[in-house]
C-alpha atoms as a PDB file:
ATOM      1  CA  UNK A   1      10.354  14.649  17.939  1.00  0.00           C
ATOM      2  CA  UNK A   2       7.031  13.249  16.783  1.00  0.00           C
ATOM      3  CA  UNK A   3       3.991  14.552  18.678  1.00  0.00           C
ATOM      4  CA  UNK A   4       0.220  14.870  18.410  1.00  0.00           C
ATOM      5  CA  UNK A   5      -1.775  18.058  18.958  1.00  0.00           C
ATOM      6  CA  UNK A   6      -5.175  17.136  20.426  1.00  0.00           C
ATOM      7  CA  UNK A   7      -8.158  19.370  19.678  1.00  0.00           C
ATOM      8  CA  UNK A   8     -11.846  19.519  20.455  1.00  0.00           C
ATOM      9  CA  UNK A   9     -14.548  21.597  18.776  1.00  0.00           C
ATOM     10  CA  UNK A  10     -17.089  23.718  20.612  1.00  0.00           C
ATOM     11  CA  UNK A  11     -19.858  25.488  18.665  1.00  0.00           C
ATOM     12  CA  UNK A  12     -19.363  28.692  20.682  1.00  0.00           C
ATOM     13  CA  UNK A  13     -15.568  28.685  21.140  1.00  0.00           C
ATOM     14  CA  UNK A  14     -14.546  26.941  17.916  1.00  0.00           C
ATOM     15  CA  UNK A  15     -11.471  24.714  17.827  1.00  0.00           C
ATOM     16  CA  UNK A  16      -9.636  24.394  21.123  1.00  0.00           C
ATOM     17  CA  UNK A  17      -6.151  22.951  21.584  1.00  0.00           C
ATOM     18  CA  UNK A  18      -6.360  20.702  24.630  1.00  0.00           C
ATOM     19  CA  UNK A  19      -2.916  19.171  24.717  1.00  0.00           C
ATOM     20  CA  UNK A  20       0.209  17.962  22.965  1.00  0.00           C
ATOM     21  CA  UNK A  21       1.250  14.332  23.370  1.00  0.00           C
ATOM     22  CA  UNK A  22       4.834  13.363  22.543  1.00  0.00           C
ATOM     23  CA  UNK A  23       5.240  10.008  20.793  1.00  0.00           C
ATOM     24  CA  UNK A  24       7.248   7.612  22.951  1.00  0.00           C
ATOM     25  CA  UNK A  25       6.803   4.309  21.160  1.00  0.00           C
ATOM     26  CA  UNK A  26       9.916   2.940  19.450  1.00  0.00           C
ATOM     27  CA  UNK A  27       8.073   0.577  17.098  1.00  0.00           C
ATOM     28  CA  UNK A  28       6.178   2.613  14.452  1.00  0.00           C
ATOM     29  CA  UNK A  29       4.008  -0.419  13.638  1.00  0.00           C
ATOM     30  CA  UNK A  30       2.273   0.083  17.007  1.00  0.00           C
ATOM     31  CA  UNK A  31       1.214   3.635  16.145  1.00  0.00           C
ATOM     32  CA  UNK A  32      -2.392   3.777  14.949  1.00  0.00           C
ATOM     33  CA  UNK A  33      -5.079   6.452  15.037  1.00  0.00           C
ATOM     34  CA  UNK A  34      -6.929   4.443  17.678  1.00  0.00           C
ATOM     35  CA  UNK A  35      -3.834   4.089  19.871  1.00  0.00           C
ATOM     36  CA  UNK A  36      -3.229   7.859  19.788  1.00  0.00           C
ATOM     37  CA  UNK A  37      -6.881   8.614  20.579  1.00  0.00           C
ATOM     38  CA  UNK A  38      -6.967   6.090  23.424  1.00  0.00           C
ATOM     39  CA  UNK A  39      -3.795   7.528  24.928  1.00  0.00           C
ATOM     40  CA  UNK A  40      -5.255  11.031  24.730  1.00  0.00           C
ATOM     41  CA  UNK A  41      -8.488   9.942  26.388  1.00  0.00           C
ATOM     42  CA  UNK A  42      -6.578   8.235  29.206  1.00  0.00           C
ATOM     43  CA  UNK A  43      -4.416  11.306  29.852  1.00  0.00           C
ATOM     44  CA  UNK A  44      -7.264  13.813  29.625  1.00  0.00           C
ATOM     45  CA  UNK A  45      -9.632  11.716  31.723  1.00  0.00           C
ATOM     46  CA  UNK A  46     -12.675  13.526  33.090  1.00  0.00           C
ATOM     47  CA  UNK A  47     -11.830  16.717  31.209  1.00  0.00           C
ATOM     48  CA  UNK A  48     -13.218  15.201  28.024  1.00  0.00           C
ATOM     49  CA  UNK A  49     -16.771  14.625  29.291  1.00  0.00           C
ATOM     50  CA  UNK A  50     -17.627  12.678  26.098  1.00  0.00           C
ATOM     51  CA  UNK A  51     -16.418  15.477  23.816  1.00  0.00           C
ATOM     52  CA  UNK A  52     -15.235  14.512  20.362  1.00  0.00           C
ATOM     53  CA  UNK A  53     -11.494  14.934  20.024  1.00  0.00           C
ATOM     54  CA  UNK A  54      -9.219  14.839  17.000  1.00  0.00           C
ATOM     55  CA  UNK A  55      -5.505  15.283  16.469  1.00  0.00           C
ATOM     56  CA  UNK A  56      -2.805  16.458  14.099  1.00  0.00           C
ATOM     57  CA  UNK A  57       0.484  14.603  13.849  1.00  0.00           C
ATOM     58  CA  UNK A  58       3.364  17.096  14.062  1.00  0.00           C
ATOM     59  CA  UNK A  59       7.154  17.095  14.164  1.00  0.00           C
ATOM     60  CA  UNK A  60       8.768  19.338  16.771  1.00  0.00           C
ATOM     61  CA  UNK A  61      12.406  20.440  16.724  1.00  0.00           C
ATOM     62  CA  UNK A  62      14.055  19.002  19.849  1.00  0.00           C
ATOM     63  CA  UNK A  63      16.365  21.998  20.200  1.00  0.00           C
ATOM     64  CA  UNK A  64      14.056  24.965  19.533  1.00  0.00           C
ATOM     65  CA  UNK A  65      10.667  23.446  20.383  1.00  0.00           C
ATOM     66  CA  UNK A  66       9.232  24.847  17.150  1.00  0.00           C
ATOM     67  CA  UNK A  67       6.844  22.895  14.983  1.00  0.00           C
ATOM     68  CA  UNK A  68       8.610  21.812  11.802  1.00  0.00           C
ATOM     69  CA  UNK A  69       6.016  19.757   9.991  1.00  0.00           C
ATOM     70  CA  UNK A  70       2.348  18.793  10.122  1.00  0.00           C
ATOM     71  CA  UNK A  71       1.163  15.475   8.690  1.00  0.00           C
ATOM     72  CA  UNK A  72      -2.530  15.851   7.926  1.00  0.00           C
ATOM     73  CA  UNK A  73      -2.665  12.522   6.111  1.00  0.00           C
ATOM     74  CA  UNK A  74      -2.562  10.785   9.502  1.00  0.00           C
ATOM     75  CA  UNK A  75      -5.512  12.821  10.810  1.00  0.00           C
ATOM     76  CA  UNK A  76      -8.580  10.984  12.062  1.00  0.00           C
ATOM     77  CA  UNK A  77     -11.328  13.218  10.626  1.00  0.00           C
END
């Protein structure tokens, strides 16, 4: 399963994982960095409070739930 780990950075706490979003779109042409970020902002709502967020694209094994692969080339840094 394709998913996105959403992170924020705090100067005191460092990097903080704030959520994992599973990819549900069937058409890969609709998947863009902006669409992932917008979806994350909608789901996280007021929690974000104008914090900068970023994500890592990951593949998760459907059976074990373990992360199999990280695609940093799709990152939005």
